[in-house]
């Protein structure tokens, strides 16, 4: 994932879309980093429910996913 950020601020969190997400409005996710947690939501609406994960397990997931896509 590229760290280029298209930031959308919502409340206290600064959301950014994954560089793997296309600009055609398809399946996209946004991520925001908060105090000790990573928040994930559907990028098509800023009112969508969010998934909140502690930073440690999130880092492990991202590492695992990156290894699986090589």
PDB file of N, CA and C in Angstrom:
ATOM      1  N   UNK A   1       0.844  -1.171   0.000  1.00  0.00           N
ATOM      2  CA  UNK A   1       0.000   0.000   0.000  1.00  0.00           C
ATOM      3  C   UNK A   1       0.886   1.229   0.000  1.00  0.00           C
ATOM      4  N   UNK A   2       0.593   2.144  -0.843  1.00  0.00           N
ATOM      5  CA  UNK A   2       1.303   3.409  -0.909  1.00  0.00           C
ATOM      6  C   UNK A   2       0.797   4.301   0.218  1.00  0.00           C
ATOM      7  N   UNK A   3       1.650   5.172   0.726  1.00  0.00           N
ATOM      8  CA  UNK A   3       1.218   6.047   1.812  1.00  0.00           C
ATOM      9  C   UNK A   3       0.682   7.376   1.309  1.00  0.00           C
ATOM     10  N   UNK A   4       0.517   7.516  -0.016  1.00  0.00           N
ATOM     11  CA  UNK A   4      -0.089   8.733  -0.556  1.00  0.00           C
ATOM     12  C   UNK A   4      -1.469   8.864   0.059  1.00  0.00           C
ATOM     13  N   UNK A   5      -1.803  10.051   0.501  1.00  0.00           N
ATOM     14  CA  UNK A   5      -3.051  10.208   1.228  1.00  0.00           C
ATOM     15  C   UNK A   5      -3.955  11.252   0.608  1.00  0.00           C
ATOM     16  N   UNK A   6      -5.174  10.860   0.372  1.00  0.00           N
ATOM     17  CA  UNK A   6      -6.241  11.780   0.028  1.00  0.00           C
ATOM     18  C   UNK A   6      -7.068  11.867   1.301  1.00  0.00           C
ATOM     19  N   UNK A   7      -6.821  12.870   2.105  1.00  0.00           N
ATOM     20  CA  UNK A   7      -7.368  12.920   3.460  1.00  0.00           C
ATOM     21  C   UNK A   7      -8.755  13.549   3.483  1.00  0.00           C
ATOM     22  N   UNK A   8      -9.665  12.883   4.174  1.00  0.00           N
ATOM     23  CA  UNK A   8     -10.995  13.417   4.446  1.00  0.00           C
ATOM     24  C   UNK A   8     -11.143  13.446   5.964  1.00  0.00           C
ATOM     25  N   UNK A   9     -11.281  14.612   6.531  1.00  0.00           N
ATOM     26  CA  UNK A   9     -11.360  14.727   7.984  1.00  0.00           C
ATOM     27  C   UNK A   9     -12.805  14.575   8.428  1.00  0.00           C
ATOM     28  N   UNK A  10     -13.024  13.688   9.367  1.00  0.00           N
ATOM     29  CA  UNK A  10     -14.347  13.421   9.905  1.00  0.00           C
ATOM     30  C   UNK A  10     -14.217  13.347  11.420  1.00  0.00           C
ATOM     31  N   UNK A  11     -14.759  14.320  12.124  1.00  0.00           N
ATOM     32  CA  UNK A  11     -14.604  14.353  13.575  1.00  0.00           C
ATOM     33  C   UNK A  11     -13.144  14.534  13.923  1.00  0.00           C
ATOM     34  N   UNK A  12     -12.615  13.690  14.748  1.00  0.00           N
ATOM     35  CA  UNK A  12     -11.223  13.764  15.181  1.00  0.00           C
ATOM     36  C   UNK A  12     -10.275  12.977  14.280  1.00  0.00           C
ATOM     37  N   UNK A  13     -10.797  12.170  13.369  1.00  0.00           N
ATOM     38  CA  UNK A  13      -9.954  11.286  12.560  1.00  0.00           C
ATOM     39  C   UNK A  13      -9.715  11.855  11.168  1.00  0.00           C
ATOM     40  N   UNK A  14      -8.514  11.651  10.649  1.00  0.00           N
ATOM     41  CA  UNK A  14      -8.188  12.020   9.275  1.00  0.00           C
ATOM     42  C   UNK A  14      -8.169  10.738   8.453  1.00  0.00           C
ATOM     43  N   UNK A  15      -9.172  10.541   7.634  1.00  0.00           N
ATOM     44  CA  UNK A  15      -9.335   9.326   6.842  1.00  0.00           C
ATOM     45  C   UNK A  15      -8.567   9.445   5.544  1.00  0.00           C
ATOM     46  N   UNK A  16      -7.958   8.340   5.098  1.00  0.00           N
ATOM     47  CA  UNK A  16      -7.317   8.327   3.782  1.00  0.00           C
ATOM     48  C   UNK A  16      -7.630   7.019   3.072  1.00  0.00           C
ATOM     49  N   UNK A  17      -7.733   7.117   1.755  1.00  0.00           N
ATOM     50  CA  UNK A  17      -8.088   5.969   0.926  1.00  0.00           C
ATOM     51  C   UNK A  17      -6.820   5.219   0.542  1.00  0.00           C
ATOM     52  N   UNK A  18      -6.901   3.919   0.531  1.00  0.00           N
ATOM     53  CA  UNK A  18      -5.789   3.081   0.116  1.00  0.00           C
ATOM     54  C   UNK A  18      -5.392   3.410  -1.317  1.00  0.00           C
ATOM     55  N   UNK A  19      -4.091   3.362  -1.599  1.00  0.00           N
ATOM     56  CA  UNK A  19      -3.616   3.584  -2.966  1.00  0.00           C
ATOM     57  C   UNK A  19      -4.054   2.442  -3.879  1.00  0.00           C
ATOM     58  N   UNK A  20      -4.453   1.323  -3.312  1.00  0.00           N
ATOM     59  CA  UNK A  20      -4.955   0.211  -4.111  1.00  0.00           C
ATOM     60  C   UNK A  20      -6.414   0.411  -4.505  1.00  0.00           C
ATOM     61  N   UNK A  21      -7.091   1.363  -3.889  1.00  0.00           N
ATOM     62  CA  UNK A  21      -8.474   1.645  -4.228  1.00  0.00           C
ATOM     63  C   UNK A  21      -8.514   2.450  -5.522  1.00  0.00           C
ATOM     64  N   UNK A  22      -9.369   2.068  -6.412  1.00  0.00           N
ATOM     65  CA  UNK A  22      -9.478   2.776  -7.680  1.00  0.00           C
ATOM     66  C   UNK A  22     -10.273   4.063  -7.538  1.00  0.00           C
ATOM     67  N   UNK A  23     -10.242   4.884  -8.561  1.00  0.00           N
ATOM     68  CA  UNK A  23     -10.989   6.141  -8.541  1.00  0.00           C
ATOM     69  C   UNK A  23     -12.347   5.995  -9.222  1.00  0.00           C
ATOM     70  N   UNK A  24     -12.703   4.771  -9.617  1.00  0.00           N
ATOM     71  CA  UNK A  24     -13.950   4.550 -10.336  1.00  0.00           C
ATOM     72  C   UNK A  24     -15.149   4.290  -9.429  1.00  0.00           C
ATOM     73  N   UNK A  25     -14.981   4.438  -8.117  1.00  0.00           N
ATOM     74  CA  UNK A  25     -16.096   4.272  -7.192  1.00  0.00           C
ATOM     75  C   UNK A  25     -16.402   2.839  -6.837  1.00  0.00           C
ATOM     76  N   UNK A  26     -15.481   1.922  -7.088  1.00  0.00           N
ATOM     77  CA  UNK A  26     -15.694   0.512  -6.786  1.00  0.00           C
ATOM     78  C   UNK A  26     -15.516   0.209  -5.314  1.00  0.00           C
ATOM     79  N   UNK A  27     -15.062  -0.980  -5.036  1.00  0.00           N
ATOM     80  CA  UNK A  27     -14.860  -1.413  -3.650  1.00  0.00           C
ATOM     81  C   UNK A  27     -13.636  -0.721  -3.071  1.00  0.00           C
ATOM     82  N   UNK A  28     -13.847   0.187  -2.165  1.00  0.00           N
ATOM     83  CA  UNK A  28     -12.742   0.959  -1.591  1.00  0.00           C
ATOM     84  C   UNK A  28     -12.874   1.013  -0.073  1.00  0.00           C
ATOM     85  N   UNK A  29     -11.747   1.126   0.575  1.00  0.00           N
ATOM     86  CA  UNK A  29     -11.740   1.315   2.018  1.00  0.00           C
ATOM     87  C   UNK A  29     -10.937   2.558   2.360  1.00  0.00           C
ATOM     88  N   UNK A  30     -11.281   3.155   3.468  1.00  0.00           N
ATOM     89  CA  UNK A  30     -10.522   4.264   4.018  1.00  0.00           C
ATOM     90  C   UNK A  30     -10.022   3.852   5.391  1.00  0.00           C
ATOM     91  N   UNK A  31      -8.895   4.405   5.770  1.00  0.00           N
ATOM     92  CA  UNK A  31      -8.257   4.085   7.043  1.00  0.00           C
ATOM     93  C   UNK A  31      -7.935   5.381   7.766  1.00  0.00           C
ATOM     94  N   UNK A  32      -8.066   5.369   9.079  1.00  0.00           N
ATOM     95  CA  UNK A  32      -7.662   6.494   9.921  1.00  0.00           C
ATOM     96  C   UNK A  32      -6.961   5.925  11.145  1.00  0.00           C
ATOM     97  N   UNK A  33      -5.900   6.588  11.560  1.00  0.00           N
ATOM     98  CA  UNK A  33      -5.150   6.144  12.732  1.00  0.00           C
ATOM     99  C   UNK A  33      -5.504   7.045  13.904  1.00  0.00           C
ATOM    100  N   UNK A  34      -5.929   6.416  14.998  1.00  0.00           N
ATOM    101  CA  UNK A  34      -6.256   7.150  16.209  1.00  0.00           C
ATOM    102  C   UNK A  34      -5.352   6.695  17.336  1.00  0.00           C
ATOM    103  N   UNK A  35      -5.652   7.086  18.524  1.00  0.00           N
ATOM    104  CA  UNK A  35      -4.847   6.753  19.702  1.00  0.00           C
ATOM    105  C   UNK A  35      -4.814   5.240  19.923  1.00  0.00           C
ATOM    106  N   UNK A  36      -3.758   4.593  19.430  1.00  0.00           N
ATOM    107  CA  UNK A  36      -3.574   3.165  19.644  1.00  0.00           C
ATOM    108  C   UNK A  36      -4.463   2.259  18.827  1.00  0.00           C
ATOM    109  N   UNK A  37      -5.229   2.826  17.884  1.00  0.00           N
ATOM    110  CA  UNK A  37      -6.160   2.022  17.093  1.00  0.00           C
ATOM    111  C   UNK A  37      -6.142   2.481  15.651  1.00  0.00           C
ATOM    112  N   UNK A  38      -6.485   1.552  14.767  1.00  0.00           N
ATOM    113  CA  UNK A  38      -6.664   1.850  13.354  1.00  0.00           C
ATOM    114  C   UNK A  38      -8.137   1.640  13.042  1.00  0.00           C
ATOM    115  N   UNK A  39      -8.732   2.592  12.357  1.00  0.00           N
ATOM    116  CA  UNK A  39     -10.154   2.541  12.028  1.00  0.00           C
ATOM    117  C   UNK A  39     -10.285   2.337  10.524  1.00  0.00           C
ATOM    118  N   UNK A  40     -11.221   1.470  10.123  1.00  0.00           N
ATOM    119  CA  UNK A  40     -11.431   1.137   8.713  1.00  0.00           C
ATOM    120  C   UNK A  40     -12.914   1.323   8.407  1.00  0.00           C
ATOM    121  N   UNK A  41     -13.202   1.908   7.226  1.00  0.00           N
ATOM    122  CA  UNK A  41     -14.600   2.087   6.819  1.00  0.00           C
ATOM    123  C   UNK A  41     -14.717   2.022   5.299  1.00  0.00           C
ATOM    124  N   UNK A  42     -15.925   1.892   4.825  1.00  0.00           N
ATOM    125  CA  UNK A  42     -16.245   1.936   3.400  1.00  0.00           C
ATOM    126  C   UNK A  42     -16.070   3.378   2.936  1.00  0.00           C
ATOM    127  N   UNK A  43     -15.344   3.590   1.859  1.00  0.00           N
ATOM    128  CA  UNK A  43     -15.061   4.952   1.410  1.00  0.00           C
ATOM    129  C   UNK A  43     -16.226   5.598   0.662  1.00  0.00           C
ATOM    130  N   UNK A  44     -17.243   4.822   0.325  1.00  0.00           N
ATOM    131  CA  UNK A  44     -18.338   5.385  -0.457  1.00  0.00           C
ATOM    132  C   UNK A  44     -19.260   6.276   0.374  1.00  0.00           C
ATOM    133  N   UNK A  45     -19.195   6.166   1.689  1.00  0.00           N
ATOM    134  CA  UNK A  45     -19.997   7.037   2.546  1.00  0.00           C
ATOM    135  C   UNK A  45     -19.274   7.258   3.869  1.00  0.00           C
ATOM    136  N   UNK A  46     -19.218   8.503   4.294  1.00  0.00           N
ATOM    137  CA  UNK A  46     -18.533   8.787   5.560  1.00  0.00           C
ATOM    138  C   UNK A  46     -19.384   8.445   6.774  1.00  0.00           C
ATOM    139  N   UNK A  47     -20.612   7.994   6.547  1.00  0.00           N
ATOM    140  CA  UNK A  47     -21.486   7.580   7.652  1.00  0.00           C
ATOM    141  C   UNK A  47     -21.510   6.062   7.842  1.00  0.00           C
ATOM    142  N   UNK A  48     -20.664   5.349   7.091  1.00  0.00           N
ATOM    143  CA  UNK A  48     -20.669   3.892   7.189  1.00  0.00           C
ATOM    144  C   UNK A  48     -20.113   3.442   8.537  1.00  0.00           C
ATOM    145  N   UNK A  49     -20.498   2.258   8.982  1.00  0.00           N
ATOM    146  CA  UNK A  49     -19.930   1.725  10.227  1.00  0.00           C
ATOM    147  C   UNK A  49     -18.416   1.566  10.084  1.00  0.00           C
ATOM    148  N   UNK A  50     -17.718   1.610  11.185  1.00  0.00           N
ATOM    149  CA  UNK A  50     -16.267   1.457  11.150  1.00  0.00           C
ATOM    150  C   UNK A  50     -15.845   0.225  11.932  1.00  0.00           C
ATOM    151  N   UNK A  51     -14.714  -0.313  11.523  1.00  0.00           N
ATOM    152  CA  UNK A  51     -14.057  -1.392  12.234  1.00  0.00           C
ATOM    153  C   UNK A  51     -12.866  -0.764  12.929  1.00  0.00           C
ATOM    154  N   UNK A  52     -12.713  -0.992  14.212  1.00  0.00           N
ATOM    155  CA  UNK A  52     -11.622  -0.418  14.982  1.00  0.00           C
ATOM    156  C   UNK A  52     -10.745  -1.540  15.520  1.00  0.00           C
ATOM    157  N   UNK A  53      -9.442  -1.487  15.173  1.00  0.00           N
ATOM    158  CA  UNK A  53      -8.513  -2.563  15.514  1.00  0.00           C
ATOM    159  C   UNK A  53      -7.304  -1.969  16.235  1.00  0.00           C
ATOM    160  N   UNK A  54      -6.815  -2.597  17.304  1.00  0.00           N
ATOM    161  CA  UNK A  54      -5.579  -2.120  17.935  1.00  0.00           C
ATOM    162  C   UNK A  54      -4.424  -2.124  16.921  1.00  0.00           C
ATOM    163  N   UNK A  55      -3.485  -1.204  17.076  1.00  0.00           N
ATOM    164  CA  UNK A  55      -2.409  -1.043  16.089  1.00  0.00           C
ATOM    165  C   UNK A  55      -1.533  -2.286  15.939  1.00  0.00           C
ATOM    166  N   UNK A  56      -1.291  -3.029  16.993  1.00  0.00           N
ATOM    167  CA  UNK A  56      -0.457  -4.235  16.904  1.00  0.00           C
ATOM    168  C   UNK A  56      -1.044  -5.291  15.979  1.00  0.00           C
ATOM    169  N   UNK A  57      -2.288  -5.713  16.222  1.00  0.00           N
ATOM    170  CA  UNK A  57      -2.908  -6.677  15.314  1.00  0.00           C
ATOM    171  C   UNK A  57      -3.058  -6.133  13.889  1.00  0.00           C
ATOM    172  N   UNK A  58      -3.304  -4.829  13.743  1.00  0.00           N
ATOM    173  CA  UNK A  58      -3.405  -4.246  12.400  1.00  0.00           C
ATOM    174  C   UNK A  58      -2.072  -4.380  11.666  1.00  0.00           C
ATOM    175  N   UNK A  59      -0.970  -4.062  12.344  1.00  0.00           N
ATOM    176  CA  UNK A  59       0.359  -4.179  11.726  1.00  0.00           C
ATOM    177  C   UNK A  59       0.638  -5.618  11.317  1.00  0.00           C
ATOM    178  N   UNK A  60       0.246  -6.573  12.161  1.00  0.00           N
ATOM    179  CA  UNK A  60       0.440  -7.988  11.834  1.00  0.00           C
ATOM    180  C   UNK A  60      -0.391  -8.372  10.611  1.00  0.00           C
ATOM    181  N   UNK A  61      -1.630  -7.882  10.530  1.00  0.00           N
ATOM    182  CA  UNK A  61      -2.489  -8.161   9.374  1.00  0.00           C
ATOM    183  C   UNK A  61      -1.891  -7.593   8.088  1.00  0.00           C
ATOM    184  N   UNK A  62      -1.428  -6.349   8.125  1.00  0.00           N
ATOM    185  CA  UNK A  62      -0.865  -5.717   6.940  1.00  0.00           C
ATOM    186  C   UNK A  62       0.400  -6.460   6.483  1.00  0.00           C
ATOM    187  N   UNK A  63       1.234  -6.861   7.432  1.00  0.00           N
ATOM    188  CA  UNK A  63       2.435  -7.618   7.094  1.00  0.00           C
ATOM    189  C   UNK A  63       2.056  -8.946   6.436  1.00  0.00           C
ATOM    190  N   UNK A  64       1.099  -9.656   7.028  1.00  0.00           N
ATOM    191  CA  UNK A  64       0.630 -10.927   6.478  1.00  0.00           C
ATOM    192  C   UNK A  64       0.066 -10.744   5.068  1.00  0.00           C
ATOM    193  N   UNK A  65      -0.789  -9.738   4.895  1.00  0.00           N
ATOM    194  CA  UNK A  65      -1.403  -9.502   3.585  1.00  0.00           C
ATOM    195  C   UNK A  65      -0.354  -9.158   2.538  1.00  0.00           C
ATOM    196  N   UNK A  66       0.642  -8.359   2.906  1.00  0.00           N
ATOM    197  CA  UNK A  66       1.701  -7.991   1.965  1.00  0.00           C
ATOM    198  C   UNK A  66       2.497  -9.220   1.538  1.00  0.00           C
ATOM    199  N   UNK A  67       2.756 -10.116   2.466  1.00  0.00           N
ATOM    200  CA  UNK A  67       3.510 -11.334   2.140  1.00  0.00           C
ATOM    201  C   UNK A  67       2.702 -12.246   1.221  1.00  0.00           C
ATOM    202  N   UNK A  68       1.394 -12.268   1.388  1.00  0.00           N
ATOM    203  CA  UNK A  68       0.527 -13.152   0.587  1.00  0.00           C
ATOM    204  C   UNK A  68       0.364 -12.642  -0.853  1.00  0.00           C
ATOM    205  N   UNK A  69       0.611 -11.362  -1.090  1.00  0.00           N
ATOM    206  CA  UNK A  69       0.423 -10.808  -2.425  1.00  0.00           C
ATOM    207  C   UNK A  69       1.703 -10.766  -3.237  1.00  0.00           C
ATOM    208  N   UNK A  70       2.798 -11.257  -2.696  1.00  0.00           N
ATOM    209  CA  UNK A  70       4.071 -11.253  -3.439  1.00  0.00           C
ATOM    210  C   UNK A  70       4.140 -12.366  -4.425  1.00  0.00           C
TER     211      UNK A  70
END
